[in-house]
């Protein structure tokens, strides 16, 4: 193999399966994913979850907001990266999802004081949280509402805080010009808004169906 061919080979991206398998699930995550399947709320892929844990740990996050609780898969990754006394505020409109998530967090050994589960419409709840009081905001909920989550989520972040949107590529729909449905348009809108917001330093990562990140500079 020539040096040029070797360099090209090393530069090729690895597959999503390898990325997701790099840090395998433990028993608690496996059970949480099973609950997600039962409830019909697709869980976060392991690669995206590992990224969230990394971000929370890098920030030393003590206050995190999650929009879309699900069965607790993403929340567990966040808790595992947060500071020891950090509190996760997780919002979901479905009480059944939050019951499943609470079970996941307790199974993982986290006391009730580490979690604040709020049942309600996220756009209403976010407006009642403390502006500038959070290290990380993670969004994995109704895509059509992503632009609203962006507006309110950025306002919640301290300087250096991070906002993250899950599944912004929507299986390739976002880059397909023929797709004009409301969800796809909303995803394009939030991606454009984050990129053009002079307060933010953005990045788009190819994990979990597309993880759009931005930090408050």
C-alpha atoms as a PDB file:
ATOM      1  CA  UNK A   1       0.000   0.000   0.000  1.00  0.00           C
ATOM      2  CA  UNK A   2       1.379   3.410  -0.965  1.00  0.00           C
ATOM      3  CA  UNK A   3       1.590   6.172   1.642  1.00  0.00           C
ATOM      4  CA  UNK A   4      -1.045   8.147  -0.255  1.00  0.00           C
ATOM      5  CA  UNK A   5      -3.467   5.217  -0.308  1.00  0.00           C
ATOM      6  CA  UNK A   6      -2.826   4.548   3.371  1.00  0.00           C
ATOM      7  CA  UNK A   7      -3.528   8.173   4.293  1.00  0.00           C
ATOM      8  CA  UNK A   8      -6.759   8.147   2.300  1.00  0.00           C
ATOM      9  CA  UNK A   9      -7.826   4.921   3.993  1.00  0.00           C
ATOM     10  CA  UNK A  10      -7.112   6.285   7.467  1.00  0.00           C
ATOM     11  CA  UNK A  11      -9.114   9.426   6.665  1.00  0.00           C
ATOM     12  CA  UNK A  12     -12.267   7.508   5.781  1.00  0.00           C
ATOM     13  CA  UNK A  13     -15.004   7.811   8.425  1.00  0.00           C
ATOM     14  CA  UNK A  14     -15.866   4.717  10.407  1.00  0.00           C
ATOM     15  CA  UNK A  15     -19.424   3.380  10.371  1.00  0.00           C
ATOM     16  CA  UNK A  16     -22.119   4.374  12.807  1.00  0.00           C
ATOM     17  CA  UNK A  17     -22.270   0.806  14.091  1.00  0.00           C
ATOM     18  CA  UNK A  18     -18.650   0.955  15.193  1.00  0.00           C
ATOM     19  CA  UNK A  19     -19.179   4.378  16.820  1.00  0.00           C
ATOM     20  CA  UNK A  20     -22.235   3.160  18.727  1.00  0.00           C
ATOM     21  CA  UNK A  21     -20.428   0.004  19.813  1.00  0.00           C
ATOM     22  CA  UNK A  22     -17.350   1.788  21.127  1.00  0.00           C
ATOM     23  CA  UNK A  23     -18.878   2.182  24.609  1.00  0.00           C
ATOM     24  CA  UNK A  24     -21.358  -0.685  25.049  1.00  0.00           C
ATOM     25  CA  UNK A  25     -24.494  -0.348  27.170  1.00  0.00           C
ATOM     26  CA  UNK A  26     -24.562  -1.642  30.716  1.00  0.00           C
ATOM     27  CA  UNK A  27     -27.568  -3.424  32.219  1.00  0.00           C
ATOM     28  CA  UNK A  28     -29.352  -0.218  33.278  1.00  0.00           C
ATOM     29  CA  UNK A  29     -29.133   1.309  29.812  1.00  0.00           C
ATOM     30  CA  UNK A  30     -30.220  -1.968  28.223  1.00  0.00           C
ATOM     31  CA  UNK A  31     -33.345  -2.016  30.404  1.00  0.00           C
ATOM     32  CA  UNK A  32     -34.029   1.653  29.690  1.00  0.00           C
ATOM     33  CA  UNK A  33     -33.868   0.977  25.960  1.00  0.00           C
ATOM     34  CA  UNK A  34     -36.287  -1.935  26.390  1.00  0.00           C
ATOM     35  CA  UNK A  35     -38.718   0.389  28.191  1.00  0.00           C
ATOM     36  CA  UNK A  36     -38.347   2.923  25.387  1.00  0.00           C
ATOM     37  CA  UNK A  37     -39.328   0.279  22.840  1.00  0.00           C
ATOM     38  CA  UNK A  38     -42.375  -0.641  24.925  1.00  0.00           C
ATOM     39  CA  UNK A  39     -43.430   3.007  25.222  1.00  0.00           C
ATOM     40  CA  UNK A  40     -42.759   3.861  21.587  1.00  0.00           C
ATOM     41  CA  UNK A  41     -40.205   6.598  22.294  1.00  0.00           C
ATOM     42  CA  UNK A  42     -37.029   5.940  20.269  1.00  0.00           C
ATOM     43  CA  UNK A  43     -33.991   6.143  22.579  1.00  0.00           C
ATOM     44  CA  UNK A  44     -30.764   8.025  21.989  1.00  0.00           C
ATOM     45  CA  UNK A  45     -28.084   6.071  20.105  1.00  0.00           C
ATOM     46  CA  UNK A  46     -25.026   5.137  22.163  1.00  0.00           C
ATOM     47  CA  UNK A  47     -22.701   7.368  20.144  1.00  0.00           C
ATOM     48  CA  UNK A  48     -24.874  10.423  20.753  1.00  0.00           C
ATOM     49  CA  UNK A  49     -25.254   9.451  24.403  1.00  0.00           C
ATOM     50  CA  UNK A  50     -21.505   9.188  24.861  1.00  0.00           C
ATOM     51  CA  UNK A  51     -21.170  12.638  23.306  1.00  0.00           C
ATOM     52  CA  UNK A  52     -23.656  14.086  25.791  1.00  0.00           C
ATOM     53  CA  UNK A  53     -21.845  12.488  28.715  1.00  0.00           C
ATOM     54  CA  UNK A  54     -18.558  13.872  27.426  1.00  0.00           C
ATOM     55  CA  UNK A  55     -20.018  17.378  27.107  1.00  0.00           C
ATOM     56  CA  UNK A  56     -21.530  17.297  30.591  1.00  0.00           C
ATOM     57  CA  UNK A  57     -18.245  16.087  32.064  1.00  0.00           C
ATOM     58  CA  UNK A  58     -16.189  18.666  30.158  1.00  0.00           C
ATOM     59  CA  UNK A  59     -18.432  21.438  31.444  1.00  0.00           C
ATOM     60  CA  UNK A  60     -18.480  20.068  34.979  1.00  0.00           C
ATOM     61  CA  UNK A  61     -22.209  20.598  34.555  1.00  0.00           C
ATOM     62  CA  UNK A  62     -24.190  21.209  37.722  1.00  0.00           C
ATOM     63  CA  UNK A  63     -27.480  22.323  36.147  1.00  0.00           C
ATOM     64  CA  UNK A  64     -28.810  20.670  32.976  1.00  0.00           C
ATOM     65  CA  UNK A  65     -32.151  20.947  31.179  1.00  0.00           C
ATOM     66  CA  UNK A  66     -33.451  18.119  29.021  1.00  0.00           C
ATOM     67  CA  UNK A  67     -36.419  18.614  26.689  1.00  0.00           C
ATOM     68  CA  UNK A  68     -37.882  15.162  26.053  1.00  0.00           C
ATOM     69  CA  UNK A  69     -37.453  12.719  28.937  1.00  0.00           C
ATOM     70  CA  UNK A  70     -38.333   9.483  27.155  1.00  0.00           C
ATOM     71  CA  UNK A  71     -37.464   6.418  29.218  1.00  0.00           C
ATOM     72  CA  UNK A  72     -34.404   8.071  30.730  1.00  0.00           C
ATOM     73  CA  UNK A  73     -31.708   6.933  28.293  1.00  0.00           C
ATOM     74  CA  UNK A  74     -30.417  10.405  27.428  1.00  0.00           C
ATOM     75  CA  UNK A  75     -30.942  11.626  30.986  1.00  0.00           C
ATOM     76  CA  UNK A  76     -28.795   8.803  32.321  1.00  0.00           C
ATOM     77  CA  UNK A  77     -25.947   9.719  29.989  1.00  0.00           C
ATOM     78  CA  UNK A  78     -26.234  13.324  31.172  1.00  0.00           C
ATOM     79  CA  UNK A  79     -26.287  12.395  34.854  1.00  0.00           C
ATOM     80  CA  UNK A  80     -23.226  10.189  34.409  1.00  0.00           C
ATOM     81  CA  UNK A  81     -21.280  13.133  33.031  1.00  0.00           C
ATOM     82  CA  UNK A  82     -22.507  15.806  35.422  1.00  0.00           C
ATOM     83  CA  UNK A  83     -20.843  16.987  38.616  1.00  0.00           C
ATOM     84  CA  UNK A  84     -21.585  14.881  41.703  1.00  0.00           C
ATOM     85  CA  UNK A  85     -24.140  17.343  43.088  1.00  0.00           C
ATOM     86  CA  UNK A  86     -25.599  18.324  39.722  1.00  0.00           C
ATOM     87  CA  UNK A  87     -29.356  18.354  39.117  1.00  0.00           C
ATOM     88  CA  UNK A  88     -31.034  17.262  35.893  1.00  0.00           C
ATOM     89  CA  UNK A  89     -34.279  19.042  35.020  1.00  0.00           C
ATOM     90  CA  UNK A  90     -36.143  16.901  32.475  1.00  0.00           C
ATOM     91  CA  UNK A  91     -39.368  17.991  30.775  1.00  0.00           C
ATOM     92  CA  UNK A  92     -41.884  15.789  28.997  1.00  0.00           C
ATOM     93  CA  UNK A  93     -45.586  15.979  28.267  1.00  0.00           C
ATOM     94  CA  UNK A  94     -46.067  12.240  28.903  1.00  0.00           C
ATOM     95  CA  UNK A  95     -46.290  11.201  32.585  1.00  0.00           C
ATOM     96  CA  UNK A  96     -45.749   7.555  31.628  1.00  0.00           C
ATOM     97  CA  UNK A  97     -42.390   8.416  30.087  1.00  0.00           C
ATOM     98  CA  UNK A  98     -41.304  10.230  33.224  1.00  0.00           C
ATOM     99  CA  UNK A  99     -42.279   7.315  35.440  1.00  0.00           C
ATOM    100  CA  UNK A 100     -40.094   5.071  33.289  1.00  0.00           C
ATOM    101  CA  UNK A 101     -37.228   7.569  33.436  1.00  0.00           C
ATOM    102  CA  UNK A 102     -37.430   7.888  37.208  1.00  0.00           C
ATOM    103  CA  UNK A 103     -37.134   4.119  37.453  1.00  0.00           C
ATOM    104  CA  UNK A 104     -34.082   4.208  35.171  1.00  0.00           C
ATOM    105  CA  UNK A 105     -32.363   6.874  37.279  1.00  0.00           C
ATOM    106  CA  UNK A 106     -33.108   5.096  40.550  1.00  0.00           C
ATOM    107  CA  UNK A 107     -31.930   1.765  39.106  1.00  0.00           C
ATOM    108  CA  UNK A 108     -28.652   3.508  38.256  1.00  0.00           C
ATOM    109  CA  UNK A 109     -28.260   4.606  41.875  1.00  0.00           C
ATOM    110  CA  UNK A 110     -29.143   8.288  41.576  1.00  0.00           C
ATOM    111  CA  UNK A 111     -31.126   9.708  44.518  1.00  0.00           C
ATOM    112  CA  UNK A 112     -34.343  11.657  43.885  1.00  0.00           C
ATOM    113  CA  UNK A 113     -32.567  14.920  44.681  1.00  0.00           C
ATOM    114  CA  UNK A 114     -30.456  14.603  41.518  1.00  0.00           C
ATOM    115  CA  UNK A 115     -33.506  14.764  39.247  1.00  0.00           C
ATOM    116  CA  UNK A 116     -36.362  17.201  38.718  1.00  0.00           C
ATOM    117  CA  UNK A 117     -38.967  15.715  36.386  1.00  0.00           C
ATOM    118  CA  UNK A 118     -41.536  18.218  35.145  1.00  0.00           C
ATOM    119  CA  UNK A 119     -44.631  17.084  33.271  1.00  0.00           C
ATOM    120  CA  UNK A 120     -45.863  19.687  30.840  1.00  0.00           C
ATOM    121  CA  UNK A 121     -45.433  21.384  27.483  1.00  0.00           C
ATOM    122  CA  UNK A 122     -41.754  22.268  27.192  1.00  0.00           C
ATOM    123  CA  UNK A 123     -42.278  25.709  25.640  1.00  0.00           C
ATOM    124  CA  UNK A 124     -44.379  26.670  28.665  1.00  0.00           C
ATOM    125  CA  UNK A 125     -41.975  25.177  31.218  1.00  0.00           C
ATOM    126  CA  UNK A 126     -38.783  26.631  29.714  1.00  0.00           C
ATOM    127  CA  UNK A 127     -40.122  30.156  30.058  1.00  0.00           C
ATOM    128  CA  UNK A 128     -40.367  29.635  33.835  1.00  0.00           C
ATOM    129  CA  UNK A 129     -36.768  28.494  34.328  1.00  0.00           C
ATOM    130  CA  UNK A 130     -33.937  30.806  35.422  1.00  0.00           C
ATOM    131  CA  UNK A 131     -32.272  32.692  32.525  1.00  0.00           C
ATOM    132  CA  UNK A 132     -28.514  32.175  32.444  1.00  0.00           C
ATOM    133  CA  UNK A 133     -28.752  29.496  35.118  1.00  0.00           C
ATOM    134  CA  UNK A 134     -27.823  26.344  33.197  1.00  0.00           C
ATOM    135  CA  UNK A 135     -24.684  24.702  31.855  1.00  0.00           C
ATOM    136  CA  UNK A 136     -26.275  22.479  29.208  1.00  0.00           C
ATOM    137  CA  UNK A 137     -29.612  22.236  27.409  1.00  0.00           C
ATOM    138  CA  UNK A 138     -30.403  19.071  25.444  1.00  0.00           C
ATOM    139  CA  UNK A 139     -33.376  18.924  23.071  1.00  0.00           C
ATOM    140  CA  UNK A 140     -34.906  15.680  21.823  1.00  0.00           C
ATOM    141  CA  UNK A 141     -38.621  16.329  21.437  1.00  0.00           C
ATOM    142  CA  UNK A 142     -41.151  17.542  18.857  1.00  0.00           C
ATOM    143  CA  UNK A 143     -39.054  18.633  15.888  1.00  0.00           C
ATOM    144  CA  UNK A 144     -41.604  21.147  14.716  1.00  0.00           C
ATOM    145  CA  UNK A 145     -40.985  23.063  17.961  1.00  0.00           C
ATOM    146  CA  UNK A 146     -37.174  23.100  17.669  1.00  0.00           C
ATOM    147  CA  UNK A 147     -37.060  26.808  16.672  1.00  0.00           C
ATOM    148  CA  UNK A 148     -38.930  27.679  19.870  1.00  0.00           C
ATOM    149  CA  UNK A 149     -36.644  25.479  21.960  1.00  0.00           C
ATOM    150  CA  UNK A 150     -33.683  27.268  20.399  1.00  0.00           C
ATOM    151  CA  UNK A 151     -34.973  30.710  21.366  1.00  0.00           C
ATOM    152  CA  UNK A 152     -35.751  29.742  24.949  1.00  0.00           C
ATOM    153  CA  UNK A 153     -32.889  27.291  25.408  1.00  0.00           C
ATOM    154  CA  UNK A 154     -30.114  29.751  24.533  1.00  0.00           C
ATOM    155  CA  UNK A 155     -31.571  32.228  27.036  1.00  0.00           C
ATOM    156  CA  UNK A 156     -31.153  29.641  29.799  1.00  0.00           C
ATOM    157  CA  UNK A 157     -27.418  29.134  29.227  1.00  0.00           C
ATOM    158  CA  UNK A 158     -24.588  30.711  31.181  1.00  0.00           C
ATOM    159  CA  UNK A 159     -21.580  31.961  29.247  1.00  0.00           C
ATOM    160  CA  UNK A 160     -19.741  28.892  27.938  1.00  0.00           C
ATOM    161  CA  UNK A 161     -22.867  26.754  28.215  1.00  0.00           C
ATOM    162  CA  UNK A 162     -23.922  24.397  25.438  1.00  0.00           C
ATOM    163  CA  UNK A 163     -27.223  23.709  23.682  1.00  0.00           C
ATOM    164  CA  UNK A 164     -27.615  20.432  21.774  1.00  0.00           C
ATOM    165  CA  UNK A 165     -30.355  19.338  19.351  1.00  0.00           C
ATOM    166  CA  UNK A 166     -30.785  15.653  18.548  1.00  0.00           C
ATOM    167  CA  UNK A 167     -31.627  14.109  15.170  1.00  0.00           C
ATOM    168  CA  UNK A 168     -31.421  17.310  13.164  1.00  0.00           C
ATOM    169  CA  UNK A 169     -30.600  15.487   9.911  1.00  0.00           C
ATOM    170  CA  UNK A 170     -33.833  13.478  10.119  1.00  0.00           C
ATOM    171  CA  UNK A 171     -32.585  10.548   8.083  1.00  0.00           C
ATOM    172  CA  UNK A 172     -31.341  12.814   5.296  1.00  0.00           C
ATOM    173  CA  UNK A 173     -34.622  14.678   4.853  1.00  0.00           C
ATOM    174  CA  UNK A 174     -33.067  18.028   5.766  1.00  0.00           C
ATOM    175  CA  UNK A 175     -30.673  17.925   2.814  1.00  0.00           C
ATOM    176  CA  UNK A 176     -33.339  16.781   0.356  1.00  0.00           C
ATOM    177  CA  UNK A 177     -34.667  19.948  -1.350  1.00  0.00           C
ATOM    178  CA  UNK A 178     -37.893  18.173  -2.292  1.00  0.00           C
ATOM    179  CA  UNK A 179     -38.863  17.772   1.372  1.00  0.00           C
ATOM    180  CA  UNK A 180     -41.078  20.676   2.426  1.00  0.00           C
ATOM    181  CA  UNK A 181     -43.052  19.179   5.321  1.00  0.00           C
ATOM    182  CA  UNK A 182     -43.362  21.277   8.531  1.00  0.00           C
ATOM    183  CA  UNK A 183     -40.896  19.172  10.557  1.00  0.00           C
ATOM    184  CA  UNK A 184     -38.180  19.355   7.918  1.00  0.00           C
ATOM    185  CA  UNK A 185     -38.691  23.093   7.512  1.00  0.00           C
ATOM    186  CA  UNK A 186     -38.431  23.549  11.289  1.00  0.00           C
ATOM    187  CA  UNK A 187     -35.153  21.614  11.394  1.00  0.00           C
ATOM    188  CA  UNK A 188     -33.719  23.696   8.558  1.00  0.00           C
ATOM    189  CA  UNK A 189     -34.815  26.832  10.370  1.00  0.00           C
ATOM    190  CA  UNK A 190     -33.123  25.922  13.651  1.00  0.00           C
ATOM    191  CA  UNK A 191     -29.929  24.835  11.884  1.00  0.00           C
ATOM    192  CA  UNK A 192     -29.801  28.144  10.038  1.00  0.00           C
ATOM    193  CA  UNK A 193     -30.604  30.160  13.161  1.00  0.00           C
ATOM    194  CA  UNK A 194     -27.875  28.477  15.210  1.00  0.00           C
ATOM    195  CA  UNK A 195     -25.316  28.949  12.428  1.00  0.00           C
ATOM    196  CA  UNK A 196     -26.137  32.632  12.020  1.00  0.00           C
ATOM    197  CA  UNK A 197     -26.465  33.525  15.715  1.00  0.00           C
ATOM    198  CA  UNK A 198     -23.430  35.697  16.517  1.00  0.00           C
ATOM    199  CA  UNK A 199     -23.679  34.756  20.197  1.00  0.00           C
ATOM    200  CA  UNK A 200     -22.979  31.111  19.414  1.00  0.00           C
ATOM    201  CA  UNK A 201     -20.120  28.901  18.223  1.00  0.00           C
ATOM    202  CA  UNK A 202     -21.852  26.004  16.379  1.00  0.00           C
ATOM    203  CA  UNK A 203     -20.944  22.516  15.206  1.00  0.00           C
ATOM    204  CA  UNK A 204     -22.861  19.683  13.548  1.00  0.00           C
ATOM    205  CA  UNK A 205     -21.762  16.141  14.454  1.00  0.00           C
ATOM    206  CA  UNK A 206     -22.762  12.994  12.500  1.00  0.00           C
ATOM    207  CA  UNK A 207     -23.945  11.009  15.541  1.00  0.00           C
ATOM    208  CA  UNK A 208     -27.486  10.111  16.604  1.00  0.00           C
ATOM    209  CA  UNK A 209     -29.011  11.176  13.313  1.00  0.00           C
ATOM    210  CA  UNK A 210     -27.193  14.504  13.546  1.00  0.00           C
ATOM    211  CA  UNK A 211     -26.292  16.317  16.773  1.00  0.00           C
ATOM    212  CA  UNK A 212     -26.351  20.101  16.396  1.00  0.00           C
ATOM    213  CA  UNK A 213     -24.267  21.800  19.099  1.00  0.00           C
ATOM    214  CA  UNK A 214     -23.578  25.416  19.975  1.00  0.00           C
ATOM    215  CA  UNK A 215     -21.800  27.101  22.854  1.00  0.00           C
ATOM    216  CA  UNK A 216     -22.406  30.609  24.076  1.00  0.00           C
ATOM    217  CA  UNK A 217     -19.191  32.478  23.297  1.00  0.00           C
END
